[in-house]
Amino acid sequence: MAAWFVAAMSGGCYPALKVVQPKAQFTLVDSTGAPIEDAKIMLTTYRQPFGALHPSVATFRTDARGTVALKSERKWHMQVVLPDGITWYTWAYCIEKSGYLAVASQQPNFKEPVGLTLERSDQQSVCRPPDDSDWAPRVETR
């Protein structure tokens, strides 16, 4: 309620602290339950609205326990009380490791830890970051 009052008094604009990177915990294991070290996790961030136009990608690596923990990051944004004037963020991820099938997820729920079992594979399976032809990260098998 206070934000709307401030917006009304400031000509329809107000500052808001937005999550630009979620707090997330990834744990990767193989089919035997052994941790997967040095797997690459690509986190794609979409600034909405129109997030598909310029997504950003950050890369993280799992440790010897097969885990990586991301800290929440926040930034101030000026919000405009108009259609498409409010900023919010969404995310997707893709995980790859040589010798395993890559895995991608759109709009994951980071409220719970992400625990994944990667399947071994002789095929080369990699993550392709978003580009002009496809706004989402995806798995490509070669």
N, C-alpha and C. Protein backbone atom coordinates (compact mmCIF):
# COMPACT_ATOMS: atom_id res chain seq x y z
N MET A 1 0.82 -1.18 0.00
CA MET A 1 0.00 0.00 0.00
C MET A 1 0.87 1.25 0.00
N ALA A 2 1.93 1.24 0.80
CA ALA A 2 2.81 2.40 0.88
C ALA A 2 3.49 2.66 -0.46
N ALA A 3 3.83 1.61 -1.20
CA ALA A 3 4.48 1.78 -2.50
C ALA A 3 3.56 2.49 -3.48
N TRP A 4 2.27 2.16 -3.44
CA TRP A 4 1.32 2.82 -4.34
C TRP A 4 1.16 4.29 -3.96
N PHE A 5 1.19 4.59 -2.67
CA PHE A 5 1.09 5.98 -2.23
C PHE A 5 2.30 6.76 -2.72
N VAL A 6 3.49 6.19 -2.53
CA VAL A 6 4.71 6.84 -3.01
C VAL A 6 4.65 7.02 -4.51
N ALA A 7 4.18 6.01 -5.24
CA ALA A 7 4.08 6.10 -6.70
C ALA A 7 3.13 7.22 -7.11
N ALA A 8 2.00 7.29 -6.44
CA ALA A 8 1.03 8.33 -6.78
C ALA A 8 1.59 9.72 -6.51
N MET A 9 2.34 9.87 -5.44
CA MET A 9 2.89 11.17 -5.08
C MET A 9 4.12 11.54 -5.92
N SER A 10 4.74 10.56 -6.56
CA SER A 10 5.97 10.84 -7.33
C SER A 10 5.73 10.76 -8.84
N GLY A 11 4.51 10.90 -9.25
CA GLY A 11 4.23 10.90 -10.69
C GLY A 11 4.20 9.52 -11.30
N GLY A 12 3.92 8.49 -10.52
CA GLY A 12 3.80 7.15 -11.07
C GLY A 12 5.07 6.32 -11.05
N CYS A 13 6.11 6.80 -10.37
CA CYS A 13 7.38 6.06 -10.29
C CYS A 13 7.73 5.80 -8.84
N TYR A 14 8.35 4.66 -8.58
CA TYR A 14 8.81 4.37 -7.23
C TYR A 14 9.98 3.38 -7.30
N PRO A 15 10.91 3.43 -6.35
CA PRO A 15 12.02 2.48 -6.33
C PRO A 15 11.59 1.15 -5.70
N ALA A 16 12.16 0.07 -6.20
CA ALA A 16 11.87 -1.26 -5.64
C ALA A 16 13.13 -2.11 -5.70
N LEU A 17 13.39 -2.83 -4.63
CA LEU A 17 14.53 -3.73 -4.56
C LEU A 17 14.11 -5.07 -5.15
N LYS A 18 14.76 -5.48 -6.24
CA LYS A 18 14.38 -6.70 -6.97
C LYS A 18 15.49 -7.76 -6.88
N VAL A 19 15.08 -9.03 -6.81
CA VAL A 19 16.04 -10.14 -6.83
C VAL A 19 16.51 -10.33 -8.27
N VAL A 20 17.82 -10.16 -8.51
CA VAL A 20 18.36 -10.34 -9.86
C VAL A 20 19.09 -11.68 -10.00
N GLN A 21 19.39 -12.30 -8.86
CA GLN A 21 19.91 -13.68 -8.86
C GLN A 21 19.30 -14.38 -7.65
N PRO A 22 18.66 -15.52 -7.86
CA PRO A 22 18.01 -16.20 -6.74
C PRO A 22 19.00 -16.92 -5.84
N LYS A 23 18.61 -17.09 -4.58
CA LYS A 23 19.35 -17.98 -3.70
C LYS A 23 19.02 -19.39 -4.16
N ALA A 24 20.03 -20.17 -4.47
CA ALA A 24 19.79 -21.52 -4.99
C ALA A 24 20.90 -22.46 -4.55
N GLN A 25 20.55 -23.71 -4.35
CA GLN A 25 21.50 -24.76 -3.98
C GLN A 25 21.35 -25.91 -4.98
N PHE A 26 22.43 -26.26 -5.66
CA PHE A 26 22.44 -27.38 -6.60
C PHE A 26 23.31 -28.49 -6.02
N THR A 27 22.84 -29.73 -6.12
CA THR A 27 23.64 -30.90 -5.76
C THR A 27 23.49 -31.90 -6.89
N LEU A 28 24.63 -32.30 -7.47
CA LEU A 28 24.64 -33.22 -8.60
C LEU A 28 25.35 -34.51 -8.23
N VAL A 29 24.71 -35.63 -8.56
CA VAL A 29 25.30 -36.95 -8.32
C VAL A 29 25.11 -37.81 -9.56
N ASP A 30 25.88 -38.90 -9.64
CA ASP A 30 25.68 -39.85 -10.73
C ASP A 30 24.73 -40.95 -10.24
N SER A 31 24.51 -41.96 -11.07
CA SER A 31 23.53 -43.02 -10.74
C SER A 31 23.92 -43.85 -9.52
N THR A 32 25.20 -43.82 -9.11
CA THR A 32 25.62 -44.54 -7.92
C THR A 32 25.55 -43.67 -6.67
N GLY A 33 25.20 -42.38 -6.84
CA GLY A 33 25.13 -41.46 -5.72
C GLY A 33 26.42 -40.71 -5.47
N ALA A 34 27.44 -40.94 -6.33
CA ALA A 34 28.72 -40.24 -6.17
C ALA A 34 28.57 -38.80 -6.65
N PRO A 35 29.16 -37.84 -5.92
CA PRO A 35 29.06 -36.44 -6.33
C PRO A 35 29.76 -36.20 -7.67
N ILE A 36 29.23 -35.27 -8.44
CA ILE A 36 29.82 -34.91 -9.73
C ILE A 36 30.51 -33.57 -9.58
N GLU A 37 31.84 -33.63 -9.59
CA GLU A 37 32.67 -32.43 -9.43
C GLU A 37 32.89 -31.73 -10.76
N ASP A 38 32.99 -30.42 -10.72
CA ASP A 38 33.32 -29.57 -11.86
C ASP A 38 32.29 -29.62 -12.99
N ALA A 39 31.02 -29.87 -12.64
CA ALA A 39 29.95 -29.75 -13.64
C ALA A 39 29.68 -28.27 -13.84
N LYS A 40 29.33 -27.89 -15.06
CA LYS A 40 29.06 -26.49 -15.37
C LYS A 40 27.56 -26.23 -15.29
N ILE A 41 27.20 -25.22 -14.50
CA ILE A 41 25.81 -24.81 -14.38
C ILE A 41 25.70 -23.41 -14.99
N MET A 42 24.88 -23.30 -16.02
CA MET A 42 24.64 -22.00 -16.67
C MET A 42 23.28 -21.49 -16.19
N LEU A 43 23.29 -20.37 -15.46
CA LEU A 43 22.07 -19.76 -14.99
C LEU A 43 21.74 -18.59 -15.91
N THR A 44 20.60 -18.67 -16.58
CA THR A 44 20.16 -17.61 -17.49
C THR A 44 19.14 -16.75 -16.76
N THR A 45 19.36 -15.45 -16.78
CA THR A 45 18.49 -14.48 -16.12
C THR A 45 17.76 -13.66 -17.17
N TYR A 46 16.45 -13.56 -17.02
CA TYR A 46 15.61 -12.78 -17.93
C TYR A 46 15.00 -11.62 -17.16
N ARG A 47 15.27 -10.41 -17.60
CA ARG A 47 14.62 -9.24 -17.01
C ARG A 47 13.30 -9.05 -17.73
N GLN A 48 12.22 -9.09 -16.98
CA GLN A 48 10.88 -8.98 -17.55
C GLN A 48 10.34 -7.58 -17.34
N PRO A 49 9.44 -7.06 -18.13
CA PRO A 49 8.92 -7.73 -19.31
C PRO A 49 9.93 -7.72 -20.45
N PHE A 50 9.67 -8.46 -21.46
CA PHE A 50 10.50 -8.56 -22.65
C PHE A 50 11.86 -9.17 -22.36
N GLY A 51 11.92 -10.11 -21.41
CA GLY A 51 13.17 -10.72 -20.97
C GLY A 51 13.89 -11.53 -22.02
N ALA A 52 13.16 -11.99 -23.04
CA ALA A 52 13.79 -12.81 -24.06
C ALA A 52 14.70 -11.99 -24.96
N LEU A 53 14.59 -10.67 -24.89
CA LEU A 53 15.39 -9.83 -25.78
C LEU A 53 16.87 -9.81 -25.42
N HIS A 54 17.17 -9.74 -24.12
CA HIS A 54 18.57 -9.63 -23.71
C HIS A 54 18.85 -10.43 -22.43
N PRO A 55 18.74 -11.75 -22.48
CA PRO A 55 19.04 -12.53 -21.27
C PRO A 55 20.54 -12.49 -20.97
N SER A 56 20.87 -12.64 -19.70
CA SER A 56 22.28 -12.74 -19.31
C SER A 56 22.54 -14.14 -18.78
N VAL A 57 23.77 -14.61 -18.93
CA VAL A 57 24.13 -15.96 -18.51
C VAL A 57 25.33 -15.89 -17.57
N ALA A 58 25.20 -16.53 -16.41
CA ALA A 58 26.31 -16.66 -15.46
C ALA A 58 26.64 -18.14 -15.35
N THR A 59 27.93 -18.45 -15.21
CA THR A 59 28.38 -19.84 -15.14
C THR A 59 28.97 -20.13 -13.77
N PHE A 60 28.61 -21.28 -13.24
CA PHE A 60 29.10 -21.74 -11.93
C PHE A 60 29.59 -23.17 -12.08
N ARG A 61 30.49 -23.61 -11.20
CA ARG A 61 31.02 -24.98 -11.22
C ARG A 61 30.78 -25.66 -9.87
N THR A 62 30.43 -26.95 -9.93
CA THR A 62 30.23 -27.70 -8.69
C THR A 62 31.56 -28.02 -8.04
N ASP A 63 31.54 -28.15 -6.72
CA ASP A 63 32.74 -28.46 -5.96
C ASP A 63 32.92 -29.99 -5.84
N ALA A 64 33.85 -30.42 -5.01
CA ALA A 64 34.14 -31.86 -4.86
C ALA A 64 32.95 -32.63 -4.28
N ARG A 65 32.03 -31.93 -3.61
CA ARG A 65 30.83 -32.57 -3.07
C ARG A 65 29.68 -32.56 -4.07
N GLY A 66 29.94 -32.03 -5.28
CA GLY A 66 28.91 -31.97 -6.31
C GLY A 66 27.92 -30.84 -6.08
N THR A 67 28.29 -29.87 -5.27
CA THR A 67 27.36 -28.80 -4.93
C THR A 67 27.87 -27.42 -5.36
N VAL A 68 26.94 -26.54 -5.52
CA VAL A 68 27.23 -25.12 -5.70
C VAL A 68 26.06 -24.36 -5.06
N ALA A 69 26.39 -23.33 -4.30
CA ALA A 69 25.38 -22.52 -3.64
C ALA A 69 25.45 -21.10 -4.21
N LEU A 70 24.33 -20.61 -4.68
CA LEU A 70 24.24 -19.25 -5.20
C LEU A 70 23.62 -18.36 -4.13
N LYS A 71 24.21 -17.21 -3.94
CA LYS A 71 23.66 -16.24 -3.01
C LYS A 71 22.70 -15.33 -3.74
N SER A 72 21.65 -14.94 -3.05
CA SER A 72 20.69 -14.02 -3.63
C SER A 72 21.37 -12.66 -3.84
N GLU A 73 21.11 -12.08 -4.99
CA GLU A 73 21.60 -10.74 -5.28
C GLU A 73 20.41 -9.86 -5.62
N ARG A 74 20.44 -8.63 -5.13
CA ARG A 74 19.34 -7.70 -5.35
C ARG A 74 19.87 -6.38 -5.88
N LYS A 75 19.02 -5.71 -6.67
CA LYS A 75 19.35 -4.38 -7.19
C LYS A 75 18.10 -3.51 -7.14
N TRP A 76 18.33 -2.22 -6.97
CA TRP A 76 17.22 -1.27 -7.00
C TRP A 76 16.84 -0.99 -8.45
N HIS A 77 15.53 -0.93 -8.69
CA HIS A 77 15.00 -0.58 -10.01
C HIS A 77 13.91 0.46 -9.82
N MET A 78 13.84 1.39 -10.75
CA MET A 78 12.74 2.35 -10.74
C MET A 78 11.55 1.71 -11.45
N GLN A 79 10.44 1.65 -10.77
CA GLN A 79 9.22 1.06 -11.31
C GLN A 79 8.29 2.17 -11.79
N VAL A 80 7.63 1.93 -12.90
CA VAL A 80 6.70 2.89 -13.47
C VAL A 80 5.31 2.25 -13.47
N VAL A 81 4.34 2.95 -12.90
CA VAL A 81 3.00 2.40 -12.80
C VAL A 81 2.28 2.59 -14.14
N LEU A 82 2.68 1.78 -15.09
CA LEU A 82 2.10 1.73 -16.43
C LEU A 82 2.16 0.28 -16.90
N PRO A 83 1.37 -0.10 -17.89
CA PRO A 83 1.53 -1.46 -18.44
C PRO A 83 2.98 -1.65 -18.89
N ASP A 84 3.56 -2.77 -18.54
CA ASP A 84 4.95 -3.12 -18.87
C ASP A 84 5.96 -2.21 -18.20
N GLY A 85 5.58 -1.51 -17.14
CA GLY A 85 6.52 -0.62 -16.46
C GLY A 85 7.12 -1.21 -15.21
N ILE A 86 6.68 -2.39 -14.82
CA ILE A 86 7.17 -3.06 -13.62
C ILE A 86 8.21 -4.10 -14.03
N THR A 87 9.34 -4.12 -13.34
CA THR A 87 10.43 -5.05 -13.64
C THR A 87 10.36 -6.25 -12.69
N TRP A 88 10.55 -7.44 -13.24
CA TRP A 88 10.73 -8.65 -12.44
C TRP A 88 11.67 -9.58 -13.20
N TYR A 89 12.15 -10.62 -12.54
CA TYR A 89 13.14 -11.51 -13.13
C TYR A 89 12.65 -12.95 -13.09
N THR A 90 13.05 -13.70 -14.12
CA THR A 90 12.82 -15.14 -14.16
C THR A 90 14.15 -15.79 -14.56
N TRP A 91 14.23 -17.11 -14.34
CA TRP A 91 15.48 -17.82 -14.58
C TRP A 91 15.27 -19.15 -15.25
N ALA A 92 16.33 -19.63 -15.85
CA ALA A 92 16.39 -20.98 -16.40
C ALA A 92 17.81 -21.47 -16.14
N TYR A 93 18.01 -22.78 -16.14
CA TYR A 93 19.38 -23.28 -16.01
C TYR A 93 19.61 -24.44 -16.96
N CYS A 94 20.90 -24.67 -17.23
CA CYS A 94 21.32 -25.82 -18.00
C CYS A 94 22.61 -26.33 -17.36
N ILE A 95 22.71 -27.64 -17.22
CA ILE A 95 23.87 -28.26 -16.55
C ILE A 95 24.52 -29.24 -17.50
N GLU A 96 25.86 -29.16 -17.59
CA GLU A 96 26.59 -30.10 -18.45
C GLU A 96 27.87 -30.55 -17.77
N LYS A 97 28.27 -31.75 -18.13
CA LYS A 97 29.54 -32.33 -17.68
C LYS A 97 29.92 -33.40 -18.70
N SER A 98 31.14 -33.37 -19.16
CA SER A 98 31.60 -34.36 -20.13
C SER A 98 31.35 -35.77 -19.59
N GLY A 99 30.80 -36.65 -20.43
CA GLY A 99 30.51 -38.02 -20.03
C GLY A 99 29.09 -38.21 -19.49
N TYR A 100 28.32 -37.12 -19.40
CA TYR A 100 26.95 -37.17 -18.88
C TYR A 100 26.01 -36.44 -19.84
N LEU A 101 24.73 -36.80 -19.78
CA LEU A 101 23.72 -36.08 -20.54
C LEU A 101 23.45 -34.73 -19.87
N ALA A 102 23.41 -33.68 -20.65
CA ALA A 102 23.11 -32.34 -20.13
C ALA A 102 21.63 -32.27 -19.76
N VAL A 103 21.31 -31.36 -18.85
CA VAL A 103 19.94 -31.19 -18.36
C VAL A 103 19.60 -29.70 -18.38
N ALA A 104 18.40 -29.35 -18.88
CA ALA A 104 17.95 -27.96 -18.88
C ALA A 104 16.59 -27.86 -18.18
N SER A 105 16.34 -26.71 -17.56
CA SER A 105 15.07 -26.46 -16.90
C SER A 105 14.65 -25.02 -17.12
N GLN A 106 13.39 -24.83 -17.45
CA GLN A 106 12.82 -23.50 -17.63
C GLN A 106 12.03 -23.12 -16.38
N GLN A 107 12.20 -21.92 -15.91
CA GLN A 107 11.49 -21.37 -14.76
C GLN A 107 11.48 -22.33 -13.57
N PRO A 108 12.68 -22.69 -13.10
CA PRO A 108 12.76 -23.61 -11.96
C PRO A 108 12.29 -22.96 -10.66
N ASN A 109 11.93 -23.80 -9.71
CA ASN A 109 11.56 -23.34 -8.38
C ASN A 109 12.78 -23.47 -7.48
N PHE A 110 13.35 -22.34 -7.07
CA PHE A 110 14.56 -22.37 -6.25
C PHE A 110 14.25 -22.30 -4.76
N LYS A 111 12.98 -22.46 -4.39
CA LYS A 111 12.63 -22.43 -2.97
C LYS A 111 13.16 -23.66 -2.25
N GLU A 112 13.32 -24.75 -2.98
CA GLU A 112 13.89 -25.99 -2.45
C GLU A 112 15.23 -26.24 -3.15
N PRO A 113 16.17 -26.93 -2.50
CA PRO A 113 17.43 -27.27 -3.17
C PRO A 113 17.17 -28.10 -4.43
N VAL A 114 17.98 -27.87 -5.44
CA VAL A 114 17.88 -28.61 -6.70
C VAL A 114 18.84 -29.79 -6.61
N GLY A 115 18.30 -31.00 -6.53
CA GLY A 115 19.10 -32.21 -6.50
C GLY A 115 18.86 -33.00 -7.77
N LEU A 116 19.93 -33.25 -8.52
CA LEU A 116 19.78 -33.95 -9.79
C LEU A 116 20.75 -35.12 -9.89
N THR A 117 20.27 -36.19 -10.52
CA THR A 117 21.12 -37.32 -10.86
C THR A 117 21.38 -37.24 -12.35
N LEU A 118 22.64 -37.05 -12.73
CA LEU A 118 22.99 -36.98 -14.14
C LEU A 118 23.28 -38.39 -14.66
N GLU A 119 22.80 -38.65 -15.88
CA GLU A 119 22.99 -39.97 -16.50
C GLU A 119 24.26 -39.99 -17.33
N ARG A 120 25.04 -41.05 -17.17
CA ARG A 120 26.24 -41.21 -18.00
C ARG A 120 25.84 -41.43 -19.45
N SER A 121 26.70 -40.96 -20.37
CA SER A 121 26.41 -41.10 -21.78
C SER A 121 27.69 -41.04 -22.59
N ASP A 122 27.73 -41.84 -23.66
CA ASP A 122 28.86 -41.78 -24.59
C ASP A 122 28.67 -40.66 -25.60
N GLN A 123 27.42 -40.17 -25.74
CA GLN A 123 27.15 -39.06 -26.64
C GLN A 123 27.62 -37.76 -26.00
N GLN A 124 28.10 -36.84 -26.84
CA GLN A 124 28.47 -35.53 -26.33
C GLN A 124 27.19 -34.70 -26.22
N SER A 125 26.90 -34.24 -25.03
CA SER A 125 25.68 -33.48 -24.75
C SER A 125 26.10 -32.19 -24.08
N VAL A 126 25.75 -31.05 -24.69
CA VAL A 126 26.19 -29.75 -24.17
C VAL A 126 25.01 -28.79 -24.05
N CYS A 127 25.21 -27.76 -23.26
CA CYS A 127 24.23 -26.69 -23.12
C CYS A 127 24.50 -25.63 -24.17
N ARG A 128 23.45 -25.22 -24.82
CA ARG A 128 23.56 -24.11 -25.77
C ARG A 128 22.91 -22.90 -25.12
N PRO A 129 23.67 -21.82 -24.93
CA PRO A 129 23.08 -20.64 -24.29
C PRO A 129 22.03 -19.99 -25.19
N PRO A 130 21.17 -19.18 -24.61
CA PRO A 130 20.16 -18.51 -25.43
C PRO A 130 20.81 -17.59 -26.46
N ASP A 131 20.15 -17.47 -27.60
CA ASP A 131 20.65 -16.56 -28.64
C ASP A 131 19.44 -15.98 -29.38
N ASP A 132 19.69 -15.31 -30.48
CA ASP A 132 18.60 -14.66 -31.21
C ASP A 132 17.58 -15.64 -31.77
N SER A 133 18.01 -16.89 -32.03
CA SER A 133 17.09 -17.86 -32.63
C SER A 133 16.29 -18.64 -31.59
N ASP A 134 16.76 -18.68 -30.35
CA ASP A 134 16.09 -19.44 -29.30
C ASP A 134 16.35 -18.74 -27.98
N TRP A 135 15.32 -18.21 -27.35
CA TRP A 135 15.50 -17.39 -26.15
C TRP A 135 15.88 -18.18 -24.91
N ALA A 136 15.70 -19.50 -24.92
CA ALA A 136 15.98 -20.31 -23.75
C ALA A 136 17.22 -21.16 -23.94
N PRO A 137 17.95 -21.46 -22.82
CA PRO A 137 19.06 -22.40 -22.96
C PRO A 137 18.50 -23.77 -23.30
N ARG A 138 19.25 -24.56 -24.04
CA ARG A 138 18.76 -25.88 -24.38
C ARG A 138 19.92 -26.85 -24.53
N VAL A 139 19.58 -28.12 -24.50
CA VAL A 139 20.58 -29.19 -24.62
C VAL A 139 20.74 -29.53 -26.09
N GLU A 140 21.99 -29.66 -26.49
CA GLU A 140 22.32 -30.03 -27.86
C GLU A 140 23.18 -31.29 -27.83
N THR A 141 22.78 -32.32 -28.54
CA THR A 141 23.53 -33.57 -28.60
C THR A 141 24.26 -33.63 -29.93
N ARG A 142 25.54 -33.95 -29.85
CA ARG A 142 26.36 -34.00 -31.06
C ARG A 142 26.80 -35.40 -31.36
